[in-house]
Amino acid sequence: MKNYETVIVLTPLLSEEASKEVLAKFKKILTDNGAEIVHEDNWGLRKLAYPIQKKTTGYYQVTEFKASGELINKLEVEYKRDERVMRFLTIALDKHAAAYNERKRTGTLAPKAAKSKKQEDAA
């Protein structure tokens, strides 16, 4: 099983309940096909870089999970079939990206400026 991360952008016309329903549908697809969800992050309503379907905002959802490669095709077909999904992107994470995401979630990822200041204080 490999690590994957998927970002979906939902149409801003959805109510809060409808957007939660859509996200639950995709989460169910993942869990029913043997995927292990590592982390979910709801970014909420954000401005798009360019208009998509004459809309300038969208609901963003990021999901990190472990799954087999066959599941990705099924998941992306479901994204394409659902008219509430404006865009999606699924990427495979290598071991460095997965470790980076883990450090970012736990808060052990220190900014470079803070690290250099700690090194100066130690000297």
PDB file of N, CA and C in Angstrom:
ATOM      1  N   MET A   1       0.843  -1.180   0.000  1.00  0.00           N
ATOM      2  CA  MET A   1       0.000   0.000   0.000  1.00  0.00           C
ATOM      3  C   MET A   1       0.888   1.243   0.000  1.00  0.00           C
ATOM      4  N   LYS A   2       0.548   2.173  -0.875  1.00  0.00           N
ATOM      5  CA  LYS A   2       1.302   3.411  -1.002  1.00  0.00           C
ATOM      6  C   LYS A   2       0.541   4.559  -0.348  1.00  0.00           C
ATOM      7  N   ASN A   3       1.264   5.618  -0.042  1.00  0.00           N
ATOM      8  CA  ASN A   3       0.651   6.824   0.500  1.00  0.00           C
ATOM      9  C   ASN A   3       0.202   7.724  -0.644  1.00  0.00           C
ATOM     10  N   TYR A   4      -0.998   8.257  -0.519  1.00  0.00           N
ATOM     11  CA  TYR A   4      -1.547   9.178  -1.504  1.00  0.00           C
ATOM     12  C   TYR A   4      -2.135  10.386  -0.799  1.00  0.00           C
ATOM     13  N   GLU A   5      -2.238  11.464  -1.558  1.00  0.00           N
ATOM     14  CA  GLU A   5      -2.896  12.666  -1.062  1.00  0.00           C
ATOM     15  C   GLU A   5      -3.793  13.178  -2.181  1.00  0.00           C
ATOM     16  N   THR A   6      -5.026  13.481  -1.848  1.00  0.00           N
ATOM     17  CA  THR A   6      -5.954  13.983  -2.854  1.00  0.00           C
ATOM     18  C   THR A   6      -6.557  15.295  -2.377  1.00  0.00           C
ATOM     19  N   VAL A   7      -6.650  16.234  -3.295  1.00  0.00           N
ATOM     20  CA  VAL A   7      -7.272  17.526  -3.032  1.00  0.00           C
ATOM     21  C   VAL A   7      -8.480  17.626  -3.958  1.00  0.00           C
ATOM     22  N   ILE A   8      -9.641  17.931  -3.385  1.00  0.00           N
ATOM     23  CA  ILE A   8     -10.821  18.139  -4.227  1.00  0.00           C
ATOM     24  C   ILE A   8     -11.366  19.534  -3.963  1.00  0.00           C
ATOM     25  N   VAL A   9     -11.892  20.130  -5.015  1.00  0.00           N
ATOM     26  CA  VAL A   9     -12.526  21.441  -4.927  1.00  0.00           C
ATOM     27  C   VAL A   9     -13.998  21.245  -5.279  1.00  0.00           C
ATOM     28  N   LEU A  10     -14.847  21.534  -4.310  1.00  0.00           N
ATOM     29  CA  LEU A  10     -16.290  21.398  -4.498  1.00  0.00           C
ATOM     30  C   LEU A  10     -16.888  22.736  -4.874  1.00  0.00           C
ATOM     31  N   THR A  11     -18.016  22.688  -5.556  1.00  0.00           N
ATOM     32  CA  THR A  11     -18.701  23.905  -5.960  1.00  0.00           C
ATOM     33  C   THR A  11     -19.132  24.706  -4.721  1.00  0.00           C
ATOM     34  N   PRO A  12     -19.048  26.030  -4.763  1.00  0.00           N
ATOM     35  CA  PRO A  12     -19.417  26.844  -3.604  1.00  0.00           C
ATOM     36  C   PRO A  12     -20.931  26.961  -3.404  1.00  0.00           C
ATOM     37  N   LEU A  13     -21.722  26.409  -4.312  1.00  0.00           N
ATOM     38  CA  LEU A  13     -23.171  26.510  -4.214  1.00  0.00           C
ATOM     39  C   LEU A  13     -23.758  25.521  -3.206  1.00  0.00           C
ATOM     40  N   LEU A  14     -22.936  24.609  -2.695  1.00  0.00           N
ATOM     41  CA  LEU A  14     -23.410  23.592  -1.762  1.00  0.00           C
ATOM     42  C   LEU A  14     -23.608  24.173  -0.364  1.00  0.00           C
ATOM     43  N   SER A  15     -24.612  23.652   0.331  1.00  0.00           N
ATOM     44  CA  SER A  15     -24.784  24.019   1.734  1.00  0.00           C
ATOM     45  C   SER A  15     -23.752  23.251   2.555  1.00  0.00           C
ATOM     46  N   GLU A  16     -23.647  23.578   3.827  1.00  0.00           N
ATOM     47  CA  GLU A  16     -22.700  22.894   4.707  1.00  0.00           C
ATOM     48  C   GLU A  16     -23.006  21.400   4.792  1.00  0.00           C
ATOM     49  N   GLU A  17     -24.302  21.058   4.911  1.00  0.00           N
ATOM     50  CA  GLU A  17     -24.688  19.651   4.999  1.00  0.00           C
ATOM     51  C   GLU A  17     -24.393  18.908   3.699  1.00  0.00           C
ATOM     52  N   ALA A  18     -24.650  19.561   2.580  1.00  0.00           N
ATOM     53  CA  ALA A  18     -24.419  18.921   1.281  1.00  0.00           C
ATOM     54  C   ALA A  18     -22.933  18.672   1.050  1.00  0.00           C
ATOM     55  N   SER A  19     -22.088  19.608   1.451  1.00  0.00           N
ATOM     56  CA  SER A  19     -20.652  19.409   1.268  1.00  0.00           C
ATOM     57  C   SER A  19     -20.150  18.285   2.173  1.00  0.00           C
ATOM     58  N   LYS A  20     -20.679  18.194   3.395  1.00  0.00           N
ATOM     59  CA  LYS A  20     -20.296  17.099   4.291  1.00  0.00           C
ATOM     60  C   LYS A  20     -20.761  15.755   3.732  1.00  0.00           C
ATOM     61  N   GLU A  21     -21.918  15.757   3.084  1.00  0.00           N
ATOM     62  CA  GLU A  21     -22.440  14.534   2.472  1.00  0.00           C
ATOM     63  C   GLU A  21     -21.533  14.065   1.340  1.00  0.00           C
ATOM     64  N   VAL A  22     -21.084  14.995   0.518  1.00  0.00           N
ATOM     65  CA  VAL A  22     -20.186  14.654  -0.600  1.00  0.00           C
ATOM     66  C   VAL A  22     -18.876  14.084  -0.060  1.00  0.00           C
ATOM     67  N   LEU A  23     -18.314  14.738   0.958  1.00  0.00           N
ATOM     68  CA  LEU A  23     -17.054  14.279   1.524  1.00  0.00           C
ATOM     69  C   LEU A  23     -17.206  12.912   2.187  1.00  0.00           C
ATOM     70  N   ALA A  24     -18.350  12.679   2.831  1.00  0.00           N
ATOM     71  CA  ALA A  24     -18.610  11.377   3.447  1.00  0.00           C
ATOM     72  C   ALA A  24     -18.717  10.286   2.382  1.00  0.00           C
ATOM     73  N   LYS A  25     -19.285  10.626   1.230  1.00  0.00           N
ATOM     74  CA  LYS A  25     -19.410   9.669   0.130  1.00  0.00           C
ATOM     75  C   LYS A  25     -18.036   9.203  -0.338  1.00  0.00           C
ATOM     76  N   PHE A  26     -17.112  10.151  -0.520  1.00  0.00           N
ATOM     77  CA  PHE A  26     -15.776   9.793  -0.993  1.00  0.00           C
ATOM     78  C   PHE A  26     -14.979   9.078   0.101  1.00  0.00           C
ATOM     79  N   LYS A  27     -15.193   9.442   1.342  1.00  0.00           N
ATOM     80  CA  LYS A  27     -14.527   8.753   2.448  1.00  0.00           C
ATOM     81  C   LYS A  27     -15.002   7.300   2.517  1.00  0.00           C
ATOM     82  N   LYS A  28     -16.290   7.086   2.280  1.00  0.00           N
ATOM     83  CA  LYS A  28     -16.856   5.737   2.288  1.00  0.00           C
ATOM     84  C   LYS A  28     -16.276   4.894   1.148  1.00  0.00           C
ATOM     85  N   ILE A  29     -16.088   5.503  -0.014  1.00  0.00           N
ATOM     86  CA  ILE A  29     -15.478   4.788  -1.147  1.00  0.00           C
ATOM     87  C   ILE A  29     -14.079   4.319  -0.760  1.00  0.00           C
ATOM     88  N   LEU A  30     -13.326   5.188  -0.101  1.00  0.00           N
ATOM     89  CA  LEU A  30     -11.973   4.828   0.303  1.00  0.00           C
ATOM     90  C   LEU A  30     -11.979   3.687   1.317  1.00  0.00           C
ATOM     91  N   THR A  31     -12.773   3.834   2.369  1.00  0.00           N
ATOM     92  CA  THR A  31     -12.765   2.826   3.429  1.00  0.00           C
ATOM     93  C   THR A  31     -13.358   1.494   2.965  1.00  0.00           C
ATOM     94  N   ASP A  32     -14.360   1.530   2.105  1.00  0.00           N
ATOM     95  CA  ASP A  32     -14.957   0.286   1.609  1.00  0.00           C
ATOM     96  C   ASP A  32     -14.000  -0.513   0.734  1.00  0.00           C
ATOM     97  N   ASN A  33     -13.051   0.171   0.115  1.00  0.00           N
ATOM     98  CA  ASN A  33     -12.088  -0.505  -0.760  1.00  0.00           C
ATOM     99  C   ASN A  33     -10.752  -0.766  -0.080  1.00  0.00           C
ATOM    100  N   GLY A  34     -10.734  -0.707   1.244  1.00  0.00           N
ATOM    101  CA  GLY A  34      -9.544  -1.098   1.990  1.00  0.00           C
ATOM    102  C   GLY A  34      -8.512  -0.017   2.213  1.00  0.00           C
ATOM    103  N   ALA A  35      -8.824   1.222   1.969  1.00  0.00           N
ATOM    104  CA  ALA A  35      -7.866   2.300   2.199  1.00  0.00           C
ATOM    105  C   ALA A  35      -7.868   2.692   3.677  1.00  0.00           C
ATOM    106  N   GLU A  36      -6.727   3.140   4.131  1.00  0.00           N
ATOM    107  CA  GLU A  36      -6.590   3.629   5.504  1.00  0.00           C
ATOM    108  C   GLU A  36      -6.418   5.146   5.436  1.00  0.00           C
ATOM    109  N   ILE A  37      -7.364   5.877   6.005  1.00  0.00           N
ATOM    110  CA  ILE A  37      -7.281   7.340   5.975  1.00  0.00           C
ATOM    111  C   ILE A  37      -6.334   7.789   7.072  1.00  0.00           C
ATOM    112  N   VAL A  38      -5.277   8.506   6.662  1.00  0.00           N
ATOM    113  CA  VAL A  38      -4.260   8.964   7.589  1.00  0.00           C
ATOM    114  C   VAL A  38      -4.645  10.313   8.190  1.00  0.00           C
ATOM    115  N   HIS A  39      -5.117  11.230   7.327  1.00  0.00           N
ATOM    116  CA  HIS A  39      -5.441  12.576   7.805  1.00  0.00           C
ATOM    117  C   HIS A  39      -6.407  13.246   6.833  1.00  0.00           C
ATOM    118  N   GLU A  40      -7.331  14.015   7.396  1.00  0.00           N
ATOM    119  CA  GLU A  40      -8.241  14.826   6.582  1.00  0.00           C
ATOM    120  C   GLU A  40      -8.119  16.275   7.033  1.00  0.00           C
ATOM    121  N   ASP A  41      -8.144  17.179   6.083  1.00  0.00           N
ATOM    122  CA  ASP A  41      -8.035  18.598   6.397  1.00  0.00           C
ATOM    123  C   ASP A  41      -9.011  19.369   5.514  1.00  0.00           C
ATOM    124  N   ASN A  42      -9.944  20.043   6.149  1.00  0.00           N
ATOM    125  CA  ASN A  42     -10.923  20.839   5.420  1.00  0.00           C
ATOM    126  C   ASN A  42     -10.429  22.280   5.390  1.00  0.00           C
ATOM    127  N   TRP A  43     -10.070  22.765   4.217  1.00  0.00           N
ATOM    128  CA  TRP A  43      -9.575  24.127   4.089  1.00  0.00           C
ATOM    129  C   TRP A  43     -10.705  25.143   3.997  1.00  0.00           C
ATOM    130  N   GLY A  44     -11.913  24.684   3.750  1.00  0.00           N
ATOM    131  CA  GLY A  44     -13.062  25.580   3.687  1.00  0.00           C
ATOM    132  C   GLY A  44     -13.167  26.305   2.359  1.00  0.00           C
ATOM    133  N   LEU A  45     -13.907  27.401   2.379  1.00  0.00           N
ATOM    134  CA  LEU A  45     -14.153  28.190   1.166  1.00  0.00           C
ATOM    135  C   LEU A  45     -12.948  29.065   0.866  1.00  0.00           C
ATOM    136  N   ARG A  46     -12.398  28.915  -0.330  1.00  0.00           N
ATOM    137  CA  ARG A  46     -11.220  29.683  -0.741  1.00  0.00           C
ATOM    138  C   ARG A  46     -11.446  30.268  -2.128  1.00  0.00           C
ATOM    139  N   LYS A  47     -10.732  31.357  -2.381  1.00  0.00           N
ATOM    140  CA  LYS A  47     -10.790  31.986  -3.691  1.00  0.00           C
ATOM    141  C   LYS A  47      -9.946  31.173  -4.667  1.00  0.00           C
ATOM    142  N   LEU A  48     -10.464  30.961  -5.857  1.00  0.00           N
ATOM    143  CA  LEU A  48      -9.752  30.215  -6.889  1.00  0.00           C
ATOM    144  C   LEU A  48      -8.771  31.129  -7.610  1.00  0.00           C
ATOM    145  N   ALA A  49      -7.717  30.557  -8.149  1.00  0.00           N
ATOM    146  CA  ALA A  49      -6.731  31.336  -8.894  1.00  0.00           C
ATOM    147  C   ALA A  49      -7.305  31.847 -10.213  1.00  0.00           C
ATOM    148  N   TYR A  50      -8.245  31.098 -10.764  1.00  0.00           N
ATOM    149  CA  TYR A  50      -8.912  31.492 -12.001  1.00  0.00           C
ATOM    150  C   TYR A  50     -10.324  30.930 -11.962  1.00  0.00           C
ATOM    151  N   PRO A  51     -11.272  31.544 -12.668  1.00  0.00           N
ATOM    152  CA  PRO A  51     -12.658  31.036 -12.630  1.00  0.00           C
ATOM    153  C   PRO A  51     -12.771  29.630 -13.227  1.00  0.00           C
ATOM    154  N   ILE A  52     -13.559  28.804 -12.554  1.00  0.00           N
ATOM    155  CA  ILE A  52     -13.879  27.463 -13.039  1.00  0.00           C
ATOM    156  C   ILE A  52     -15.392  27.383 -13.108  1.00  0.00           C
ATOM    157  N   GLN A  53     -15.931  27.105 -14.275  1.00  0.00           N
ATOM    158  CA  GLN A  53     -17.376  27.035 -14.487  1.00  0.00           C
ATOM    159  C   GLN A  53     -18.060  28.328 -14.015  1.00  0.00           C
ATOM    160  N   LYS A  54     -17.420  29.452 -14.282  1.00  0.00           N
ATOM    161  CA  LYS A  54     -17.906  30.794 -13.925  1.00  0.00           C
ATOM    162  C   LYS A  54     -18.017  31.004 -12.415  1.00  0.00           C
ATOM    163  N   LYS A  55     -17.269  30.236 -11.636  1.00  0.00           N
ATOM    164  CA  LYS A  55     -17.246  30.383 -10.176  1.00  0.00           C
ATOM    165  C   LYS A  55     -15.855  30.824  -9.761  1.00  0.00           C
ATOM    166  N   THR A  56     -15.777  31.714  -8.776  1.00  0.00           N
ATOM    167  CA  THR A  56     -14.487  32.244  -8.341  1.00  0.00           C
ATOM    168  C   THR A  56     -14.047  31.708  -6.979  1.00  0.00           C
ATOM    169  N   THR A  57     -14.903  30.906  -6.316  1.00  0.00           N
ATOM    170  CA  THR A  57     -14.551  30.302  -5.035  1.00  0.00           C
ATOM    171  C   THR A  57     -14.900  28.817  -5.062  1.00  0.00           C
ATOM    172  N   GLY A  58     -14.378  28.086  -4.090  1.00  0.00           N
ATOM    173  CA  GLY A  58     -14.678  26.664  -3.988  1.00  0.00           C
ATOM    174  C   GLY A  58     -14.308  26.139  -2.611  1.00  0.00           C
ATOM    175  N   TYR A  59     -14.933  25.030  -2.204  1.00  0.00           N
ATOM    176  CA  TYR A  59     -14.617  24.362  -0.944  1.00  0.00           C
ATOM    177  C   TYR A  59     -13.490  23.371  -1.187  1.00  0.00           C
ATOM    178  N   TYR A  60     -12.407  23.525  -0.448  1.00  0.00           N
ATOM    179  CA  TYR A  60     -11.247  22.656  -0.593  1.00  0.00           C
ATOM    180  C   TYR A  60     -11.230  21.602   0.512  1.00  0.00           C
ATOM    181  N   GLN A  61     -10.877  20.376   0.146  1.00  0.00           N
ATOM    182  CA  GLN A  61     -10.712  19.270   1.094  1.00  0.00           C
ATOM    183  C   GLN A  61      -9.458  18.505   0.709  1.00  0.00           C
ATOM    184  N   VAL A  62      -8.571  18.265   1.683  1.00  0.00           N
ATOM    185  CA  VAL A  62      -7.345  17.499   1.466  1.00  0.00           C
ATOM    186  C   VAL A  62      -7.439  16.228   2.294  1.00  0.00           C
ATOM    187  N   THR A  63      -7.196  15.084   1.665  1.00  0.00           N
ATOM    188  CA  THR A  63      -7.241  13.804   2.356  1.00  0.00           C
ATOM    189  C   THR A  63      -5.963  13.038   2.052  1.00  0.00           C
ATOM    190  N   GLU A  64      -5.293  12.581   3.104  1.00  0.00           N
ATOM    191  CA  GLU A  64      -4.110  11.743   2.952  1.00  0.00           C
ATOM    192  C   GLU A  64      -4.507  10.323   3.357  1.00  0.00           C
ATOM    193  N   PHE A  65      -4.149   9.344   2.529  1.00  0.00           N
ATOM    194  CA  PHE A  65      -4.559   7.967   2.801  1.00  0.00           C
ATOM    195  C   PHE A  65      -3.551   6.982   2.236  1.00  0.00           C
ATOM    196  N   LYS A  66      -3.657   5.730   2.706  1.00  0.00           N
ATOM    197  CA  LYS A  66      -2.843   4.631   2.197  1.00  0.00           C
ATOM    198  C   LYS A  66      -3.773   3.687   1.452  1.00  0.00           C
ATOM    199  N   ALA A  67      -3.401   3.331   0.222  1.00  0.00           N
ATOM    200  CA  ALA A  67      -4.263   2.473  -0.593  1.00  0.00           C
ATOM    201  C   ALA A  67      -3.441   1.796  -1.682  1.00  0.00           C
ATOM    202  N   SER A  68      -4.102   0.867  -2.363  1.00  0.00           N
ATOM    203  CA  SER A  68      -3.485   0.211  -3.514  1.00  0.00           C
ATOM    204  C   SER A  68      -3.767   1.055  -4.765  1.00  0.00           C
ATOM    205  N   GLY A  69      -3.008   0.815  -5.808  1.00  0.00           N
ATOM    206  CA  GLY A  69      -3.120   1.611  -7.021  1.00  0.00           C
ATOM    207  C   GLY A  69      -4.437   1.481  -7.753  1.00  0.00           C
ATOM    208  N   GLU A  70      -5.093   0.304  -7.649  1.00  0.00           N
ATOM    209  CA  GLU A  70      -6.352   0.092  -8.356  1.00  0.00           C
ATOM    210  C   GLU A  70      -7.455   1.007  -7.813  1.00  0.00           C
ATOM    211  N   LEU A  71      -7.389   1.314  -6.534  1.00  0.00           N
ATOM    212  CA  LEU A  71      -8.405   2.154  -5.906  1.00  0.00           C
ATOM    213  C   LEU A  71      -8.382   3.576  -6.458  1.00  0.00           C
ATOM    214  N   ILE A  72      -7.225   4.051  -6.850  1.00  0.00           N
ATOM    215  CA  ILE A  72      -7.101   5.429  -7.343  1.00  0.00           C
ATOM    216  C   ILE A  72      -7.946   5.614  -8.595  1.00  0.00           C
ATOM    217  N   ASN A  73      -7.931   4.644  -9.490  1.00  0.00           N
ATOM    218  CA  ASN A  73      -8.747   4.738 -10.701  1.00  0.00           C
ATOM    219  C   ASN A  73     -10.232   4.798 -10.372  1.00  0.00           C
ATOM    220  N   LYS A  74     -10.682   3.953  -9.446  1.00  0.00           N
ATOM    221  CA  LYS A  74     -12.087   3.965  -9.029  1.00  0.00           C
ATOM    222  C   LYS A  74     -12.465   5.315  -8.426  1.00  0.00           C
ATOM    223  N   LEU A  75     -11.591   5.827  -7.571  1.00  0.00           N
ATOM    224  CA  LEU A  75     -11.857   7.100  -6.892  1.00  0.00           C
ATOM    225  C   LEU A  75     -11.956   8.246  -7.895  1.00  0.00           C
ATOM    226  N   GLU A  76     -11.035   8.288  -8.838  1.00  0.00           N
ATOM    227  CA  GLU A  76     -11.048   9.376  -9.814  1.00  0.00           C
ATOM    228  C   GLU A  76     -12.238   9.291 -10.756  1.00  0.00           C
ATOM    229  N   VAL A  77     -12.701   8.090 -11.068  1.00  0.00           N
ATOM    230  CA  VAL A  77     -13.922   7.947 -11.875  1.00  0.00           C
ATOM    231  C   VAL A  77     -15.110   8.524 -11.120  1.00  0.00           C
ATOM    232  N   GLU A  78     -15.172   8.256  -9.814  1.00  0.00           N
ATOM    233  CA  GLU A  78     -16.264   8.810  -8.996  1.00  0.00           C
ATOM    234  C   GLU A  78     -16.184  10.338  -8.916  1.00  0.00           C
ATOM    235  N   TYR A  79     -14.961  10.879  -8.842  1.00  0.00           N
ATOM    236  CA  TYR A  79     -14.807  12.343  -8.857  1.00  0.00           C
ATOM    237  C   TYR A  79     -15.351  12.917 -10.164  1.00  0.00           C
ATOM    238  N   LYS A  80     -15.034  12.266 -11.270  1.00  0.00           N
ATOM    239  CA  LYS A  80     -15.477  12.756 -12.586  1.00  0.00           C
ATOM    240  C   LYS A  80     -16.990  12.661 -12.748  1.00  0.00           C
ATOM    241  N   ARG A  81     -17.602  11.653 -12.167  1.00  0.00           N
ATOM    242  CA  ARG A  81     -19.049  11.462 -12.293  1.00  0.00           C
ATOM    243  C   ARG A  81     -19.857  12.434 -11.444  1.00  0.00           C
ATOM    244  N   ASP A  82     -19.275  12.913 -10.362  1.00  0.00           N
ATOM    245  CA  ASP A  82     -19.996  13.783  -9.438  1.00  0.00           C
ATOM    246  C   ASP A  82     -19.899  15.226  -9.921  1.00  0.00           C
ATOM    247  N   GLU A  83     -21.036  15.822 -10.257  1.00  0.00           N
ATOM    248  CA  GLU A  83     -21.046  17.183 -10.795  1.00  0.00           C
ATOM    249  C   GLU A  83     -20.733  18.235  -9.740  1.00  0.00           C
ATOM    250  N   ARG A  84     -20.727  17.864  -8.468  1.00  0.00           N
ATOM    251  CA  ARG A  84     -20.417  18.809  -7.394  1.00  0.00           C
ATOM    252  C   ARG A  84     -18.917  19.020  -7.234  1.00  0.00           C
ATOM    253  N   VAL A  85     -18.111  18.152  -7.844  1.00  0.00           N
ATOM    254  CA  VAL A  85     -16.655  18.273  -7.795  1.00  0.00           C
ATOM    255  C   VAL A  85     -16.203  19.075  -9.010  1.00  0.00           C
ATOM    256  N   MET A  86     -15.595  20.236  -8.751  1.00  0.00           N
ATOM    257  CA  MET A  86     -15.128  21.068  -9.859  1.00  0.00           C
ATOM    258  C   MET A  86     -13.742  20.634 -10.333  1.00  0.00           C
ATOM    259  N   ARG A  87     -12.842  20.330  -9.399  1.00  0.00           N
ATOM    260  CA  ARG A  87     -11.486  19.884  -9.723  1.00  0.00           C
ATOM    261  C   ARG A  87     -11.019  18.897  -8.663  1.00  0.00           C
ATOM    262  N   PHE A  88     -10.056  18.060  -9.051  1.00  0.00           N
ATOM    263  CA  PHE A  88      -9.436  17.151  -8.098  1.00  0.00           C
ATOM    264  C   PHE A  88      -8.014  16.877  -8.548  1.00  0.00           C
ATOM    265  N   LEU A  89      -7.183  16.496  -7.596  1.00  0.00           N
ATOM    266  CA  LEU A  89      -5.802  16.125  -7.889  1.00  0.00           C
ATOM    267  C   LEU A  89      -5.381  15.069  -6.876  1.00  0.00           C
ATOM    268  N   THR A  90      -4.927  13.937  -7.365  1.00  0.00           N
ATOM    269  CA  THR A  90      -4.439  12.865  -6.508  1.00  0.00           C
ATOM    270  C   THR A  90      -2.991  12.608  -6.847  1.00  0.00           C
ATOM    271  N   ILE A  91      -2.136  12.620  -5.818  1.00  0.00           N
ATOM    272  CA  ILE A  91      -0.709  12.381  -6.036  1.00  0.00           C
ATOM    273  C   ILE A  91      -0.237  11.264  -5.110  1.00  0.00           C
ATOM    274  N   ALA A  92       0.776  10.533  -5.570  1.00  0.00           N
ATOM    275  CA  ALA A  92       1.421   9.522  -4.741  1.00  0.00           C
ATOM    276  C   ALA A  92       2.532  10.212  -3.960  1.00  0.00           C
ATOM    277  N   LEU A  93       2.593   9.940  -2.662  1.00  0.00           N
ATOM    278  CA  LEU A  93       3.608  10.543  -1.805  1.00  0.00           C
ATOM    279  C   LEU A  93       4.768   9.565  -1.628  1.00  0.00           C
ATOM    280  N   ASP A  94       5.989  10.067  -1.767  1.00  0.00           N
ATOM    281  CA  ASP A  94       7.136   9.229  -1.449  1.00  0.00           C
ATOM    282  C   ASP A  94       7.365   9.267   0.060  1.00  0.00           C
ATOM    283  N   LYS A  95       8.359   8.553   0.541  1.00  0.00           N
ATOM    284  CA  LYS A  95       8.563   8.452   1.987  1.00  0.00           C
ATOM    285  C   LYS A  95       8.928   9.802   2.602  1.00  0.00           C
ATOM    286  N   HIS A  96       9.592  10.668   1.852  1.00  0.00           N
ATOM    287  CA  HIS A  96       9.977  11.976   2.373  1.00  0.00           C
ATOM    288  C   HIS A  96       8.753  12.886   2.526  1.00  0.00           C
ATOM    289  N   ALA A  97       7.871  12.852   1.554  1.00  0.00           N
ATOM    290  CA  ALA A  97       6.653  13.674   1.621  1.00  0.00           C
ATOM    291  C   ALA A  97       5.745  13.198   2.748  1.00  0.00           C
ATOM    292  N   ALA A  98       5.627  11.889   2.927  1.00  0.00           N
ATOM    293  CA  ALA A  98       4.804  11.352   4.007  1.00  0.00           C
ATOM    294  C   ALA A  98       5.385  11.744   5.365  1.00  0.00           C
ATOM    295  N   ALA A  99       6.713  11.694   5.493  1.00  0.00           N
ATOM    296  CA  ALA A  99       7.362  12.096   6.747  1.00  0.00           C
ATOM    297  C   ALA A  99       7.179  13.586   6.996  1.00  0.00           C
ATOM    298  N   TYR A 100       7.286  14.389   5.946  1.00  0.00           N
ATOM    299  CA  TYR A 100       7.076  15.834   6.071  1.00  0.00           C
ATOM    300  C   TYR A 100       5.656  16.130   6.552  1.00  0.00           C
ATOM    301  N   ASN A 101       4.662  15.470   5.955  1.00  0.00           N
ATOM    302  CA  ASN A 101       3.268  15.676   6.366  1.00  0.00           C
ATOM    303  C   ASN A 101       3.063  15.286   7.827  1.00  0.00           C
ATOM    304  N   GLU A 102       3.700  14.199   8.251  1.00  0.00           N
ATOM    305  CA  GLU A 102       3.584  13.759   9.643  1.00  0.00           C
ATOM    306  C   GLU A 102       4.190  14.786  10.594  1.00  0.00           C
ATOM    307  N   ARG A 103       5.374  15.304  10.250  1.00  0.00           N
ATOM    308  CA  ARG A 103       6.008  16.326  11.095  1.00  0.00           C
ATOM    309  C   ARG A 103       5.179  17.603  11.129  1.00  0.00           C
ATOM    310  N   LYS A 104       4.570  17.941  10.011  1.00  0.00           N
ATOM    311  CA  LYS A 104       3.743  19.148   9.952  1.00  0.00           C
ATOM    312  C   LYS A 104       2.509  18.998  10.843  1.00  0.00           C
ATOM    313  N   ARG A 105       1.899  17.807  10.845  1.00  0.00           N
ATOM    314  CA  ARG A 105       0.718  17.561  11.676  1.00  0.00           C
ATOM    315  C   ARG A 105       1.041  17.587  13.161  1.00  0.00           C
ATOM    316  N   THR A 106       2.183  17.028  13.540  1.00  0.00           N
ATOM    317  CA  THR A 106       2.537  16.945  14.956  1.00  0.00           C
ATOM    318  C   THR A 106       3.145  18.234  15.485  1.00  0.00           C
ATOM    319  N   GLY A 107       3.505  19.148  14.591  1.00  0.00           N
ATOM    320  CA  GLY A 107       4.057  20.428  15.027  1.00  0.00           C
ATOM    321  C   GLY A 107       5.553  20.400  15.263  1.00  0.00           C
ATOM    322  N   THR A 108       6.246  19.355  14.840  1.00  0.00           N
ATOM    323  CA  THR A 108       7.694  19.277  15.021  1.00  0.00           C
ATOM    324  C   THR A 108       8.454  19.870  13.851  1.00  0.00           C
ATOM    325  N   LEU A 109       7.755  20.454  12.938  1.00  0.00           N
ATOM    326  CA  LEU A 109       8.377  21.080  11.779  1.00  0.00           C
ATOM    327  C   LEU A 109       8.641  22.537  12.134  1.00  0.00           C
ATOM    328  N   ALA A 110       9.887  22.865  12.441  1.00  0.00           N
ATOM    329  CA  ALA A 110      10.231  24.228  12.859  1.00  0.00           C
ATOM    330  C   ALA A 110      10.664  25.043  11.639  1.00  0.00           C
ATOM    331  N   PRO A 111      10.291  26.304  11.602  1.00  0.00           N
ATOM    332  CA  PRO A 111      10.737  27.155  10.491  1.00  0.00           C
ATOM    333  C   PRO A 111      12.258  27.316  10.503  1.00  0.00           C
ATOM    334  N   LYS A 112      12.844  27.584   9.348  1.00  0.00           N
ATOM    335  CA  LYS A 112      14.298  27.728   9.239  1.00  0.00           C
ATOM    336  C   LYS A 112      14.809  28.872  10.110  1.00  0.00           C
ATOM    337  N   ALA A 113      14.059  29.960  10.190  1.00  0.00           N
ATOM    338  CA  ALA A 113      14.494  31.105  10.988  1.00  0.00           C
ATOM    339  C   ALA A 113      14.602  30.728  12.461  1.00  0.00           C
ATOM    340  N   ALA A 114      13.676  29.953  12.958  1.00  0.00           N
ATOM    341  CA  ALA A 114      13.705  29.529  14.357  1.00  0.00           C
ATOM    342  C   ALA A 114      14.867  28.580  14.600  1.00  0.00           C
ATOM    343  N   LYS A 115      15.157  27.700  13.645  1.00  0.00           N
ATOM    344  CA  LYS A 115      16.276  26.774  13.799  1.00  0.00           C
ATOM    345  C   LYS A 115      17.598  27.531  13.853  1.00  0.00           C
ATOM    346  N   SER A 116      17.786  28.498  12.933  1.00  0.00           N
ATOM    347  CA  SER A 116      19.041  29.239  12.904  1.00  0.00           C
ATOM    348  C   SER A 116      19.223  30.073  14.161  1.00  0.00           C
ATOM    349  N   LYS A 117      18.123  30.593  14.708  1.00  0.00           N
ATOM    350  CA  LYS A 117      18.206  31.379  15.939  1.00  0.00           C
ATOM    351  C   LYS A 117      18.611  30.483  17.105  1.00  0.00           C
ATOM    352  N   LYS A 118      18.066  29.249  17.148  1.00  0.00           N
ATOM    353  CA  LYS A 118      18.425  28.301  18.216  1.00  0.00           C
ATOM    354  C   LYS A 118      19.901  27.938  18.097  1.00  0.00           C
ATOM    355  N   GLN A 119      20.401  27.783  16.877  1.00  0.00           N
ATOM    356  CA  GLN A 119      21.803  27.445  16.680  1.00  0.00           C
ATOM    357  C   GLN A 119      22.707  28.588  17.132  1.00  0.00           C
ATOM    358  N   GLU A 120      22.286  29.842  16.872  1.00  0.00           N
ATOM    359  CA  GLU A 120      23.067  30.998  17.305  1.00  0.00           C
ATOM    360  C   GLU A 120      23.095  31.097  18.816  1.00  0.00           C
ATOM    361  N   ASP A 121      21.949  30.821  19.467  1.00  0.00           N
ATOM    362  CA  ASP A 121      21.880  30.891  20.919  1.00  0.00           C
ATOM    363  C   ASP A 121      22.757  29.819  21.567  1.00  0.00           C
ATOM    364  N   ALA A 122      22.852  28.672  20.914  1.00  0.00           N
ATOM    365  CA  ALA A 122      23.648  27.568  21.458  1.00  0.00           C
ATOM    366  C   ALA A 122      25.146  27.869  21.351  1.00  0.00           C
ATOM    367  N   ALA A 123      25.539  28.682  20.396  1.00  0.00           N
ATOM    368  CA  ALA A 123      26.969  28.964  20.166  1.00  0.00           C
ATOM    369  C   ALA A 123      27.520  30.022  21.064  1.00  0.00           C
TER     370      ALA A 123
END
